[in-house]
């Protein structure tokens, strides 16, 4: 029984943190009212308020719309994983062709194997 309570607690904490991230994105980055963002992502303002308070979860379709509006990855919205590296990498890689990128990935693989074996 204790494991179920611990999991519930972890899930609830993640839900609360996710709500805070969504509220931050809405207020600080998108500069939108709750009603406006709710309309954009296909939910009611009341439900978005519940999500931001950690008492609800967005469905896939709404997360996808929020992702498209904000430019954040779903991993950031859902789990708080840093997504700035994705954008930085895209900017860096646009200067190289596919063959060059594949060669660099092969080098990275070899470096990691070298590190693991030493």
N, C-alpha and C. Protein backbone atom coordinates (compact mmCIF):
# COMPACT_ATOMS: atom_id res chain seq x y z
N UNK A 1 0.83 -1.20 0.00
CA UNK A 1 0.00 0.00 0.00
C UNK A 1 0.87 1.26 0.00
N UNK A 2 2.00 1.20 0.72
CA UNK A 2 2.86 2.37 0.80
C UNK A 2 3.38 2.77 -0.58
N UNK A 3 3.72 1.79 -1.42
CA UNK A 3 4.23 2.10 -2.75
C UNK A 3 3.19 2.84 -3.58
N UNK A 4 1.93 2.44 -3.48
CA UNK A 4 0.87 3.14 -4.21
C UNK A 4 0.74 4.58 -3.74
N UNK A 5 0.83 4.81 -2.43
CA UNK A 5 0.75 6.17 -1.90
C UNK A 5 1.94 7.01 -2.34
N UNK A 6 3.13 6.40 -2.36
CA UNK A 6 4.32 7.11 -2.80
C UNK A 6 4.21 7.48 -4.27
N UNK A 7 3.71 6.54 -5.10
CA UNK A 7 3.55 6.81 -6.53
C UNK A 7 2.53 7.91 -6.74
N UNK A 8 1.43 7.85 -5.99
CA UNK A 8 0.42 8.90 -6.09
C UNK A 8 1.04 10.24 -5.76
N UNK A 9 1.84 10.27 -4.73
CA UNK A 9 2.48 11.51 -4.31
C UNK A 9 3.42 12.05 -5.39
N UNK A 10 4.22 11.17 -6.00
CA UNK A 10 5.13 11.58 -7.07
C UNK A 10 4.33 12.07 -8.26
N UNK A 11 3.29 11.33 -8.64
CA UNK A 11 2.45 11.74 -9.77
C UNK A 11 1.81 13.09 -9.51
N UNK A 12 1.33 13.30 -8.30
CA UNK A 12 0.67 14.56 -7.96
C UNK A 12 1.68 15.72 -8.01
N UNK A 13 2.87 15.49 -7.49
CA UNK A 13 3.91 16.54 -7.53
C UNK A 13 4.27 16.88 -8.98
N UNK A 14 4.37 15.86 -9.84
CA UNK A 14 4.67 16.11 -11.25
C UNK A 14 3.54 16.91 -11.90
N UNK A 15 2.31 16.58 -11.54
CA UNK A 15 1.15 17.29 -12.09
C UNK A 15 1.16 18.76 -11.66
N UNK A 16 1.51 19.01 -10.42
CA UNK A 16 1.59 20.38 -9.90
C UNK A 16 2.69 21.15 -10.63
N UNK A 17 3.86 20.54 -10.79
CA UNK A 17 4.96 21.19 -11.49
C UNK A 17 4.62 21.46 -12.94
N UNK A 18 3.97 20.51 -13.58
CA UNK A 18 3.55 20.68 -14.97
C UNK A 18 2.59 21.87 -15.08
N UNK A 19 1.66 21.98 -14.15
CA UNK A 19 0.74 23.11 -14.14
C UNK A 19 1.46 24.44 -13.99
N UNK A 20 2.47 24.47 -13.14
CA UNK A 20 3.26 25.70 -12.97
C UNK A 20 3.99 26.08 -14.26
N UNK A 21 4.53 25.05 -14.96
CA UNK A 21 5.22 25.33 -16.23
C UNK A 21 4.25 25.89 -17.26
N UNK A 22 3.08 25.30 -17.34
CA UNK A 22 2.08 25.75 -18.31
C UNK A 22 1.66 27.18 -18.00
N UNK A 23 1.46 27.48 -16.72
CA UNK A 23 1.08 28.83 -16.33
C UNK A 23 2.20 29.82 -16.66
N UNK A 24 3.46 29.43 -16.42
CA UNK A 24 4.60 30.29 -16.74
C UNK A 24 4.65 30.55 -18.23
N UNK A 25 4.49 29.51 -19.03
CA UNK A 25 4.51 29.66 -20.49
C UNK A 25 3.41 30.64 -20.90
N UNK A 26 2.22 30.47 -20.36
CA UNK A 26 1.09 31.32 -20.72
C UNK A 26 1.33 32.77 -20.33
N UNK A 27 1.71 33.00 -19.07
CA UNK A 27 1.83 34.36 -18.56
C UNK A 27 3.10 35.07 -19.02
N UNK A 28 4.23 34.40 -18.86
CA UNK A 28 5.52 35.06 -19.07
C UNK A 28 6.02 35.01 -20.50
N UNK A 29 5.71 33.96 -21.22
CA UNK A 29 6.23 33.83 -22.57
C UNK A 29 5.21 34.21 -23.63
N UNK A 30 4.01 33.65 -23.52
CA UNK A 30 2.99 33.94 -24.53
C UNK A 30 2.20 35.21 -24.22
N UNK A 31 2.27 35.66 -22.96
CA UNK A 31 1.55 36.88 -22.54
C UNK A 31 0.06 36.78 -22.90
N UNK A 32 -0.54 35.64 -22.59
CA UNK A 32 -1.94 35.41 -22.92
C UNK A 32 -2.78 35.29 -21.66
N UNK A 33 -4.03 35.65 -21.79
CA UNK A 33 -4.97 35.40 -20.71
C UNK A 33 -5.29 33.91 -20.68
N UNK A 34 -5.82 33.47 -19.57
CA UNK A 34 -6.21 32.08 -19.43
C UNK A 34 -7.26 31.70 -20.48
N UNK A 35 -8.22 32.59 -20.68
CA UNK A 35 -9.31 32.34 -21.63
C UNK A 35 -8.76 32.22 -23.06
N UNK A 36 -7.85 33.12 -23.42
CA UNK A 36 -7.29 33.11 -24.79
C UNK A 36 -6.50 31.83 -25.04
N UNK A 37 -5.61 31.47 -24.12
CA UNK A 37 -4.83 30.25 -24.33
C UNK A 37 -5.75 29.04 -24.35
N UNK A 38 -6.71 29.01 -23.45
CA UNK A 38 -7.63 27.88 -23.40
C UNK A 38 -8.32 27.69 -24.75
N UNK A 39 -8.77 28.78 -25.32
CA UNK A 39 -9.43 28.72 -26.63
C UNK A 39 -8.46 28.20 -27.69
N UNK A 40 -7.23 28.67 -27.66
CA UNK A 40 -6.22 28.27 -28.65
C UNK A 40 -5.90 26.77 -28.58
N UNK A 41 -5.93 26.21 -27.38
CA UNK A 41 -5.56 24.79 -27.24
C UNK A 41 -6.78 23.87 -27.12
N UNK A 42 -7.97 24.45 -27.20
CA UNK A 42 -9.18 23.64 -27.26
C UNK A 42 -9.74 23.14 -25.94
N UNK A 43 -9.55 23.93 -24.88
CA UNK A 43 -10.14 23.58 -23.58
C UNK A 43 -10.85 24.82 -23.03
N UNK A 44 -11.60 24.65 -21.96
CA UNK A 44 -12.25 25.80 -21.33
C UNK A 44 -11.26 26.52 -20.43
N UNK A 45 -11.52 27.78 -20.17
CA UNK A 45 -10.68 28.54 -19.25
C UNK A 45 -10.69 27.94 -17.86
N UNK A 46 -11.85 27.44 -17.44
CA UNK A 46 -11.97 26.81 -16.13
C UNK A 46 -11.09 25.57 -16.05
N UNK A 47 -11.10 24.76 -17.10
CA UNK A 47 -10.27 23.55 -17.08
C UNK A 47 -8.78 23.92 -17.10
N UNK A 48 -8.41 24.90 -17.91
CA UNK A 48 -7.01 25.33 -17.94
C UNK A 48 -6.58 25.80 -16.55
N UNK A 49 -7.46 26.49 -15.85
CA UNK A 49 -7.16 26.90 -14.47
C UNK A 49 -6.89 25.69 -13.58
N UNK A 50 -7.68 24.64 -13.72
CA UNK A 50 -7.46 23.42 -12.94
C UNK A 50 -6.10 22.80 -13.28
N UNK A 51 -5.76 22.79 -14.56
CA UNK A 51 -4.47 22.24 -14.98
C UNK A 51 -3.34 23.05 -14.37
N UNK A 52 -3.43 24.37 -14.44
CA UNK A 52 -2.37 25.24 -13.90
C UNK A 52 -2.24 25.10 -12.39
N UNK A 53 -3.31 24.73 -11.71
CA UNK A 53 -3.28 24.53 -10.26
C UNK A 53 -2.81 23.13 -9.88
N UNK A 54 -2.58 22.28 -10.89
CA UNK A 54 -2.13 20.91 -10.62
C UNK A 54 -3.27 19.96 -10.36
N UNK A 55 -4.46 20.29 -10.83
CA UNK A 55 -5.63 19.46 -10.59
C UNK A 55 -6.24 18.90 -11.87
N UNK A 56 -5.48 18.86 -12.93
CA UNK A 56 -5.96 18.32 -14.19
C UNK A 56 -4.80 18.14 -15.15
N UNK A 57 -5.04 17.38 -16.20
CA UNK A 57 -4.02 17.14 -17.22
C UNK A 57 -4.58 17.43 -18.60
N UNK A 58 -3.76 18.01 -19.45
CA UNK A 58 -4.16 18.25 -20.82
C UNK A 58 -4.08 16.94 -21.62
N UNK A 59 -4.94 16.81 -22.60
CA UNK A 59 -4.88 15.66 -23.49
C UNK A 59 -3.86 15.95 -24.59
N UNK A 60 -3.51 14.90 -25.33
CA UNK A 60 -2.48 14.98 -26.36
C UNK A 60 -2.71 16.16 -27.31
N UNK A 61 -3.93 16.27 -27.81
CA UNK A 61 -4.23 17.31 -28.80
C UNK A 61 -3.94 18.71 -28.24
N UNK A 62 -4.27 18.94 -27.00
CA UNK A 62 -4.03 20.25 -26.38
C UNK A 62 -2.55 20.48 -26.12
N UNK A 63 -1.83 19.43 -25.72
CA UNK A 63 -0.39 19.55 -25.51
C UNK A 63 0.29 19.88 -26.84
N UNK A 64 -0.13 19.21 -27.90
CA UNK A 64 0.43 19.46 -29.22
C UNK A 64 0.21 20.91 -29.64
N UNK A 65 -0.98 21.44 -29.41
CA UNK A 65 -1.27 22.83 -29.76
C UNK A 65 -0.43 23.79 -28.91
N UNK A 66 -0.28 23.49 -27.62
CA UNK A 66 0.55 24.32 -26.74
C UNK A 66 2.00 24.27 -27.19
N UNK A 67 2.45 23.10 -27.58
CA UNK A 67 3.82 22.94 -28.08
C UNK A 67 4.03 23.82 -29.32
N UNK A 68 3.08 23.77 -30.24
CA UNK A 68 3.19 24.55 -31.47
C UNK A 68 3.15 26.05 -31.19
N UNK A 69 2.32 26.47 -30.25
CA UNK A 69 2.21 27.89 -29.90
C UNK A 69 3.46 28.41 -29.19
N UNK A 70 3.97 27.61 -28.27
CA UNK A 70 5.06 28.09 -27.41
C UNK A 70 6.45 27.84 -27.98
N UNK A 71 6.57 26.86 -28.87
CA UNK A 71 7.89 26.50 -29.36
C UNK A 71 8.64 25.55 -28.44
N UNK A 72 8.04 25.22 -27.32
CA UNK A 72 8.65 24.26 -26.39
C UNK A 72 8.36 22.84 -26.84
N UNK A 73 9.24 21.92 -26.46
CA UNK A 73 9.00 20.51 -26.75
C UNK A 73 7.95 19.97 -25.78
N UNK A 74 7.32 18.88 -26.18
CA UNK A 74 6.38 18.21 -25.28
C UNK A 74 7.12 17.71 -24.04
N UNK A 75 8.38 17.31 -24.19
CA UNK A 75 9.16 16.87 -23.04
C UNK A 75 9.31 17.99 -22.00
N UNK A 76 9.48 19.20 -22.46
CA UNK A 76 9.56 20.32 -21.52
C UNK A 76 8.21 20.56 -20.86
N UNK A 77 7.16 20.62 -21.65
CA UNK A 77 5.83 20.89 -21.10
C UNK A 77 5.44 19.81 -20.09
N UNK A 78 5.65 18.56 -20.43
CA UNK A 78 5.22 17.46 -19.56
C UNK A 78 6.15 17.20 -18.39
N UNK A 79 7.45 17.24 -18.65
CA UNK A 79 8.41 16.77 -17.64
C UNK A 79 9.44 17.81 -17.20
N UNK A 80 9.45 18.96 -17.83
CA UNK A 80 10.41 19.99 -17.45
C UNK A 80 11.81 19.76 -17.99
N UNK A 81 11.94 18.86 -18.98
CA UNK A 81 13.26 18.60 -19.54
C UNK A 81 13.70 19.77 -20.40
N UNK A 82 14.94 20.16 -20.25
CA UNK A 82 15.49 21.32 -20.96
C UNK A 82 15.40 21.09 -22.46
N UNK A 83 14.70 21.98 -23.14
CA UNK A 83 14.58 21.83 -24.59
C UNK A 83 15.37 22.88 -25.35
N UNK A 84 16.14 23.69 -24.66
CA UNK A 84 16.94 24.70 -25.36
C UNK A 84 18.03 24.05 -26.19
N UNK A 85 18.51 22.90 -25.75
CA UNK A 85 19.57 22.21 -26.50
C UNK A 85 19.08 21.79 -27.88
N UNK A 86 17.79 21.45 -27.97
CA UNK A 86 17.24 21.05 -29.27
C UNK A 86 17.32 22.22 -30.25
N UNK A 87 16.87 23.38 -29.82
CA UNK A 87 16.89 24.55 -30.70
C UNK A 87 18.32 24.98 -31.03
N UNK A 88 19.20 24.94 -30.04
CA UNK A 88 20.59 25.31 -30.29
C UNK A 88 21.23 24.34 -31.28
N UNK A 89 20.93 23.07 -31.14
CA UNK A 89 21.49 22.06 -32.04
C UNK A 89 20.97 22.26 -33.46
N UNK A 90 19.68 22.54 -33.61
CA UNK A 90 19.11 22.80 -34.93
C UNK A 90 19.81 23.96 -35.61
N UNK A 91 20.07 25.02 -34.86
CA UNK A 91 20.75 26.19 -35.42
C UNK A 91 22.16 25.83 -35.87
N UNK A 92 22.87 25.09 -35.03
CA UNK A 92 24.24 24.70 -35.38
C UNK A 92 24.28 23.76 -36.59
N UNK A 93 23.34 22.82 -36.64
CA UNK A 93 23.38 21.80 -37.68
C UNK A 93 22.91 22.29 -39.05
N UNK A 94 22.21 23.40 -39.10
CA UNK A 94 21.70 23.85 -40.39
C UNK A 94 22.81 24.24 -41.36
N UNK A 95 24.03 24.39 -40.85
CA UNK A 95 25.16 24.76 -41.69
C UNK A 95 25.87 23.55 -42.31
N UNK A 96 25.42 22.35 -41.95
CA UNK A 96 26.10 21.13 -42.40
C UNK A 96 25.15 20.23 -43.17
N UNK A 97 25.74 19.44 -44.08
CA UNK A 97 24.90 18.51 -44.83
C UNK A 97 24.76 17.19 -44.05
N UNK A 98 23.88 16.34 -44.54
CA UNK A 98 23.56 15.10 -43.83
C UNK A 98 24.79 14.21 -43.64
N UNK A 99 25.64 14.10 -44.66
CA UNK A 99 26.83 13.26 -44.56
C UNK A 99 27.77 13.76 -43.46
N UNK A 100 27.95 15.06 -43.37
CA UNK A 100 28.82 15.63 -42.34
C UNK A 100 28.25 15.34 -40.94
N UNK A 101 26.95 15.47 -40.80
CA UNK A 101 26.31 15.21 -39.50
C UNK A 101 26.46 13.74 -39.11
N UNK A 102 26.25 12.84 -40.06
CA UNK A 102 26.40 11.40 -39.79
C UNK A 102 27.83 11.08 -39.38
N UNK A 103 28.81 11.70 -40.02
CA UNK A 103 30.22 11.48 -39.65
C UNK A 103 30.50 11.92 -38.22
N UNK A 104 29.95 13.05 -37.83
CA UNK A 104 30.15 13.55 -36.46
C UNK A 104 29.48 12.61 -35.45
N UNK A 105 28.30 12.12 -35.77
CA UNK A 105 27.62 11.17 -34.88
C UNK A 105 28.45 9.91 -34.70
N UNK A 106 29.05 9.43 -35.79
CA UNK A 106 29.93 8.26 -35.70
C UNK A 106 31.13 8.54 -34.79
N UNK A 107 31.69 9.73 -34.90
CA UNK A 107 32.82 10.10 -34.04
C UNK A 107 32.38 10.11 -32.57
N UNK A 108 31.22 10.67 -32.31
CA UNK A 108 30.71 10.71 -30.92
C UNK A 108 30.51 9.29 -30.39
N UNK A 109 29.97 8.41 -31.22
CA UNK A 109 29.79 7.01 -30.81
C UNK A 109 31.13 6.39 -30.44
N UNK A 110 32.14 6.62 -31.26
CA UNK A 110 33.46 6.07 -30.99
C UNK A 110 34.07 6.64 -29.71
N UNK A 111 33.87 7.92 -29.48
CA UNK A 111 34.38 8.54 -28.26
C UNK A 111 33.71 7.92 -27.03
N UNK A 112 32.38 7.71 -27.10
CA UNK A 112 31.69 7.14 -25.94
C UNK A 112 32.15 5.71 -25.70
N UNK A 113 32.39 4.94 -26.77
CA UNK A 113 32.90 3.57 -26.59
C UNK A 113 34.29 3.61 -25.97
N UNK A 114 35.13 4.54 -26.40
CA UNK A 114 36.46 4.69 -25.85
C UNK A 114 36.39 5.00 -24.34
N UNK A 115 35.52 5.92 -23.98
CA UNK A 115 35.37 6.31 -22.56
C UNK A 115 34.88 5.12 -21.74
N UNK A 116 33.90 4.39 -22.25
CA UNK A 116 33.36 3.24 -21.52
C UNK A 116 34.39 2.15 -21.31
N UNK A 117 35.30 1.99 -22.25
CA UNK A 117 36.30 0.91 -22.18
C UNK A 117 37.57 1.30 -21.45
N UNK A 118 37.69 2.53 -21.02
CA UNK A 118 38.91 2.96 -20.31
C UNK A 118 38.63 3.47 -18.94
